[in-house]
Protein backbone atom coordinates (compact mmCIF):
# COMPACT_ATOMS: atom_id res chain seq x y z
CA UNK A 1 223.35 74.02 254.43
CA UNK A 2 223.56 71.69 251.43
CA UNK A 3 225.63 68.53 251.68
CA UNK A 4 228.31 67.58 249.16
CA UNK A 5 225.93 65.02 247.68
CA UNK A 6 223.25 67.70 247.25
CA UNK A 7 225.71 70.08 245.57
CA UNK A 8 226.67 67.28 243.18
CA UNK A 9 223.01 66.53 242.47
CA UNK A 10 222.39 70.27 241.99
CA UNK A 11 225.19 70.33 239.41
CA UNK A 12 223.03 67.91 237.38
CA UNK A 13 225.85 65.62 236.32
CA UNK A 14 223.47 63.75 234.01
CA UNK A 15 223.56 66.77 231.70
CA UNK A 16 227.33 66.57 231.26
CA UNK A 17 227.12 64.49 228.04
CA UNK A 18 225.87 67.74 226.48
CA UNK A 19 229.31 69.26 227.04
CA UNK A 20 231.52 66.17 226.62
CA UNK A 21 230.03 64.94 223.34
CA UNK A 22 230.64 68.10 221.25
CA UNK A 23 234.29 68.21 222.33
CA UNK A 24 234.72 64.58 221.28
CA UNK A 25 233.19 65.27 217.88
CA UNK A 26 235.26 68.42 217.36
CA UNK A 27 238.42 66.56 218.34
CA UNK A 28 237.51 63.68 216.02
CA UNK A 29 237.09 66.18 213.20
CA UNK A 30 240.52 67.63 213.97
CA UNK A 31 242.07 64.15 214.05
CA UNK A 32 240.53 63.35 210.67
CA UNK A 33 242.59 66.13 209.11
CA UNK A 34 245.72 65.30 211.09
CA UNK A 35 245.53 68.15 213.57
CA UNK A 36 244.51 66.55 216.89
CA UNK A 37 246.08 68.08 220.01
CA UNK A 38 245.54 66.32 223.33
CA UNK A 39 246.38 69.43 225.38
CA UNK A 40 243.98 71.65 223.46
CA UNK A 41 241.25 69.01 223.49
CA UNK A 42 241.63 68.64 227.26
CA UNK A 43 241.38 72.39 227.78
CA UNK A 44 238.33 72.57 225.51
CA UNK A 45 236.73 69.81 227.59
CA UNK A 46 237.47 71.67 230.82
CA UNK A 47 235.91 74.83 229.39
CA UNK A 48 232.80 72.92 228.31
CA UNK A 49 232.37 71.12 231.64
CA UNK A 50 232.90 74.26 233.70
CA UNK A 51 230.36 76.22 231.68
CA UNK A 52 227.86 73.34 231.78
CA UNK A 53 227.97 73.07 235.57
CA UNK A 54 227.98 76.86 235.80
CA UNK A 55 224.82 77.21 233.72
CA UNK A 56 223.15 74.48 235.78
CA UNK A 57 223.85 76.38 239.00
CA UNK A 58 222.88 79.67 237.36
CA UNK A 59 219.54 78.22 236.26
CA UNK A 60 219.02 76.82 239.77
CA UNK A 61 219.65 80.27 241.24
CA UNK A 62 217.57 82.28 238.77
CA UNK A 63 214.61 79.89 238.75
CA UNK A 64 214.78 79.62 242.52
CA UNK A 65 214.66 83.34 243.25
CA UNK A 66 211.82 83.76 240.74
CA UNK A 67 209.84 80.99 242.37
CA UNK A 68 209.50 78.92 239.21
CA UNK A 69 210.99 75.86 240.95
CA UNK A 70 208.53 75.80 243.85
CA UNK A 71 206.50 72.95 242.32
CA UNK A 72 208.94 71.13 240.09
CA UNK A 73 209.03 67.55 238.79
CA UNK A 74 212.57 66.26 238.42
CA UNK A 75 216.03 66.51 239.98
CA UNK A 76 216.77 68.43 243.17
CA UNK A 77 217.00 72.19 242.86
CA UNK A 78 219.18 73.73 245.57
CA UNK A 79 217.45 77.10 245.90
CA UNK A 80 213.92 75.92 245.16
CA UNK A 81 214.13 73.18 247.79
CA UNK A 82 215.74 75.50 250.33
CA UNK A 83 218.80 73.33 250.98
CA UNK A 84 221.19 76.10 249.83
CA UNK A 85 220.97 79.88 249.90
CA UNK A 86 220.56 81.82 246.65
CA UNK A 87 223.84 83.64 247.29
CA UNK A 88 225.79 80.40 247.68
CA UNK A 89 224.38 78.93 244.47
CA UNK A 90 225.03 82.16 242.56
CA UNK A 91 228.63 82.16 243.85
CA UNK A 92 229.05 78.54 242.71
CA UNK A 93 227.79 79.46 239.24
CA UNK A 94 230.25 82.33 238.89
CA UNK A 95 233.10 80.23 240.27
CA UNK A 96 232.44 77.72 237.47
CA UNK A 97 232.26 80.51 234.90
CA UNK A 98 235.58 81.82 236.23
CA UNK A 99 237.20 78.39 235.91
CA UNK A 100 235.90 78.11 232.37
CA UNK A 101 237.24 81.57 231.54
CA UNK A 102 240.72 80.71 232.85
CA UNK A 103 240.81 77.44 230.90
CA UNK A 104 239.52 79.28 227.84
CA UNK A 105 242.25 81.90 228.16
CA UNK A 106 244.88 79.15 228.30
CA UNK A 107 243.35 77.50 225.24
CA UNK A 108 243.29 80.74 223.26
CA UNK A 109 246.89 81.41 224.27
CA UNK A 110 247.98 78.00 222.94
CA UNK A 111 246.05 78.34 219.70
CA UNK A 112 246.87 82.01 219.09
CA UNK A 113 243.25 82.65 218.11
CA UNK A 114 242.71 85.67 220.37
CA UNK A 115 239.49 86.69 218.65
CA UNK A 116 237.90 83.63 220.23
CA UNK A 117 237.91 85.43 223.57
CA UNK A 118 234.79 87.17 222.27
CA UNK A 119 233.22 83.77 221.60
CA UNK A 120 233.99 82.69 225.14
CA UNK A 121 232.48 85.87 226.55
CA UNK A 122 229.33 85.25 224.47
CA UNK A 123 229.11 81.70 225.85
CA UNK A 124 229.28 82.93 229.45
CA UNK A 125 226.71 85.64 228.76
CA UNK A 126 224.46 83.07 227.08
CA UNK A 127 224.79 80.76 230.09
CA UNK A 128 223.79 83.48 232.56
CA UNK A 129 220.98 85.12 230.62
CA UNK A 130 219.28 81.82 229.76
CA UNK A 131 217.28 82.23 232.96
CA UNK A 132 219.04 85.27 234.47
CA UNK A 133 218.48 88.99 234.03
CA UNK A 134 215.23 90.88 233.61
CA UNK A 135 214.23 89.17 230.34
CA UNK A 136 215.73 85.65 230.24
CA UNK A 137 215.58 84.24 226.74
CA UNK A 138 214.90 80.75 228.09
CA UNK A 139 211.54 82.04 229.30
CA UNK A 140 210.54 83.27 225.85
CA UNK A 141 211.08 80.16 223.74
CA UNK A 142 214.65 80.69 222.52
CA UNK A 143 216.33 78.06 224.67
CA UNK A 144 216.49 75.36 222.00
CA UNK A 145 218.01 77.76 219.47
CA UNK A 146 220.67 78.78 221.98
CA UNK A 147 221.43 75.16 222.87
CA UNK A 148 221.81 74.27 219.19
CA UNK A 149 224.27 77.13 218.73
CA UNK A 150 226.28 76.77 221.93
CA UNK A 151 226.38 72.97 222.25
CA UNK A 152 226.44 72.31 218.53
CA UNK A 153 227.93 74.99 216.28
CA UNK A 154 230.21 76.74 218.77
CA UNK A 155 231.28 73.72 220.84
CA UNK A 156 232.08 71.39 217.94
CA UNK A 157 233.53 73.89 215.48
CA UNK A 158 235.32 75.80 218.23
CA UNK A 159 236.98 72.61 219.45
CA UNK A 160 238.09 71.71 215.94
CA UNK A 161 239.23 75.22 215.11
CA UNK A 162 241.53 75.68 218.12
CA UNK A 163 243.29 72.46 217.12
CA UNK A 164 243.30 72.68 213.33
CA UNK A 165 242.97 76.42 212.60
CA UNK A 166 240.10 75.57 210.27
CA UNK A 167 236.84 73.65 210.13
CA UNK A 168 236.05 70.62 207.97
CA UNK A 169 232.98 69.08 206.40
CA UNK A 170 232.78 66.52 209.19
CA UNK A 171 233.07 69.26 211.79
CA UNK A 172 230.09 71.04 210.23
CA UNK A 173 228.08 67.81 210.01
CA UNK A 174 228.97 66.90 213.58
CA UNK A 175 227.94 70.35 214.78
CA UNK A 176 224.47 69.84 213.29
CA UNK A 177 224.18 66.41 214.92
CA UNK A 178 225.32 67.58 218.34
CA UNK A 179 223.14 70.68 218.22
CA UNK A 180 220.11 68.55 217.36
CA UNK A 181 220.78 66.03 220.11
CA UNK A 182 221.28 68.77 222.71
CA UNK A 183 218.16 70.60 221.62
CA UNK A 184 216.33 67.27 221.85
CA UNK A 185 217.41 66.88 225.47
CA UNK A 186 216.09 70.35 226.28
CA UNK A 187 212.84 69.73 224.43
CA UNK A 188 212.27 66.54 226.46
CA UNK A 189 213.08 68.40 229.67
CA UNK A 190 210.69 71.24 228.84
CA UNK A 191 207.98 68.82 227.71
CA UNK A 192 208.10 67.23 231.15
CA UNK A 193 207.76 70.66 232.80
CA UNK A 194 204.98 72.11 230.60
CA UNK A 195 202.27 72.03 233.32
CA UNK A 196 204.37 73.73 236.00
CA UNK A 197 206.12 76.11 233.58
CA UNK A 198 202.79 77.30 232.19
CA UNK A 199 201.54 78.12 235.70
CA UNK A 200 204.82 79.86 236.58
CA UNK A 201 204.72 82.01 233.44
CA UNK A 202 207.80 80.33 232.00
CA UNK A 203 207.01 80.41 228.27
CA UNK A 204 209.44 77.83 226.95
CA UNK A 205 209.16 76.62 223.39
CA UNK A 206 207.28 73.57 224.67
CA UNK A 207 204.72 75.80 226.39
CA UNK A 208 204.32 77.89 223.25
CA UNK A 209 203.98 74.91 220.91
CA UNK A 210 201.86 72.77 223.17
CA UNK A 211 202.58 69.18 224.12
CA UNK A 212 201.50 67.52 220.86
CA UNK A 213 203.70 69.63 218.58
CA UNK A 214 206.56 69.48 221.08
CA UNK A 215 206.50 65.69 220.84
CA UNK A 216 206.76 65.96 217.05
CA UNK A 217 209.66 68.41 217.38
CA UNK A 218 211.52 65.97 219.62
CA UNK A 219 211.18 63.20 217.03
CA UNK A 220 212.52 65.48 214.29
CA UNK A 221 215.51 66.58 216.33
CA UNK A 222 216.63 63.08 217.30
CA UNK A 223 216.33 61.81 213.73
CA UNK A 224 218.65 64.52 212.33
CA UNK A 225 221.90 63.00 213.73
CA UNK A 226 221.13 59.72 211.96
CA UNK A 227 220.48 61.56 208.72
CA UNK A 228 223.91 63.15 209.24
CA UNK A 229 225.39 59.67 209.78
CA UNK A 230 224.00 58.35 206.51
CA UNK A 231 225.08 61.47 204.62
CA UNK A 232 228.60 61.28 206.09
CA UNK A 233 228.85 57.63 205.07
CA UNK A 234 228.94 58.63 201.38
CA UNK A 235 232.33 60.22 202.07
CA UNK A 236 233.47 57.95 204.91
CA UNK A 237 231.55 54.65 205.06
CA UNK A 238 232.86 53.90 208.54
CA UNK A 239 230.72 56.79 209.82
CA UNK A 240 227.79 54.34 209.76
CA UNK A 241 228.92 53.08 213.17
CA UNK A 242 227.03 56.08 214.54
CA UNK A 243 223.81 54.16 213.91
CA UNK A 244 224.52 52.03 217.00
CA UNK A 245 223.30 54.90 219.18
CA UNK A 246 219.79 54.17 217.92
CA UNK A 247 219.63 51.54 220.66
CA UNK A 248 219.23 54.41 223.13
CA UNK A 249 217.11 56.80 221.11
CA UNK A 250 214.42 54.36 219.96
CA UNK A 251 213.07 53.70 223.49
CA UNK A 252 213.18 57.44 224.20
CA UNK A 253 211.30 58.30 221.03
CA UNK A 254 208.67 55.68 221.84
CA UNK A 255 208.10 57.15 225.30
CA UNK A 256 207.65 60.64 223.88
CA UNK A 257 205.36 59.43 221.08
CA UNK A 258 203.23 57.42 223.51
CA UNK A 259 202.17 60.58 225.34
CA UNK A 260 203.88 59.91 228.66
CA UNK A 261 204.19 62.88 231.02
CA UNK A 262 205.85 64.02 234.24
CA UNK A 263 208.22 61.62 235.96
CA UNK A 264 207.75 59.06 233.19
CA UNK A 265 209.67 61.38 230.85
CA UNK A 266 212.79 61.49 233.03
CA UNK A 267 214.26 58.34 231.40
CA UNK A 268 213.97 60.12 228.05
CA UNK A 269 216.53 62.69 229.21
CA UNK A 270 218.98 59.94 230.18
CA UNK A 271 218.40 57.93 227.00
CA UNK A 272 218.79 60.97 224.75
CA UNK A 273 221.98 61.98 226.56
CA UNK A 274 223.37 58.44 226.19
CA UNK A 275 222.46 58.41 222.50
CA UNK A 276 224.29 61.70 222.02
CA UNK A 277 227.37 60.55 223.92
CA UNK A 278 227.54 57.16 222.22
CA UNK A 279 227.09 58.76 218.78
CA UNK A 280 229.89 61.19 219.56
CA UNK A 281 232.29 58.53 220.86
CA UNK A 282 231.94 55.97 218.09
CA UNK A 283 231.68 58.51 215.27
CA UNK A 284 234.61 60.63 216.46
CA UNK A 285 236.85 57.58 216.87
CA UNK A 286 235.83 56.06 213.54
CA UNK A 287 236.19 59.24 211.50
CA UNK A 288 239.30 60.35 213.39
CA UNK A 289 241.10 57.06 212.78
CA UNK A 290 239.97 56.89 209.15
């Protein structure tokens, strides 16, 4: 039976910037047009966190029962390591999805945008079928596209829309930045796992591209948010504060470019996540207050 500490580690709390950062950017975009709502932002954050932890447990369950976690480099996997039963991990995933659905229902009720229930349902389905079901799309190279959409476009613009009833230019720019950062985190994760994923038949985008081209893709993705920063500065010069997050991304990009593999790539995940979170915090505050 897994301990509380093991359940927390299995929830992969280091991935939570992927869900927090888009909500911050979406809320900053809403504030910039005078429509920020603390209650709606808090509910959006709860939805994002619940779905993030839910997808982490769902991936743990699905990968574990398929046997693709039997020889894994990286954080503890509950099912793959045998510390928790598949049924318990699956139940934890669906409990998180249920919490996210309840918070989402409350958010939709406050905003009056009932059509967004369909968006929420798509998010839950996307979380489960990433590695679940008979043909998980995460095993066929579509994971990065899904991450860009769910953690970028939907998370940022959805957060702004439920507060402001519309989306703005900064919301769209922020969605591109967040989607690129999140996809970069996944690319780094899958680059680390290329050897074991290839053996397990898990054809992620990194496996399909090969390590060399995957390293190039990572560099492109983490540069995009800074291009967005410079472009946004033409309309709002204070947006340039987002460049401070380069302090985290430069060491990560160097590690990837240097050809490091396995455990040596784990810091890249942390550094990319910190770059994403810091970019979101300083940019959202600066643009929101402007």
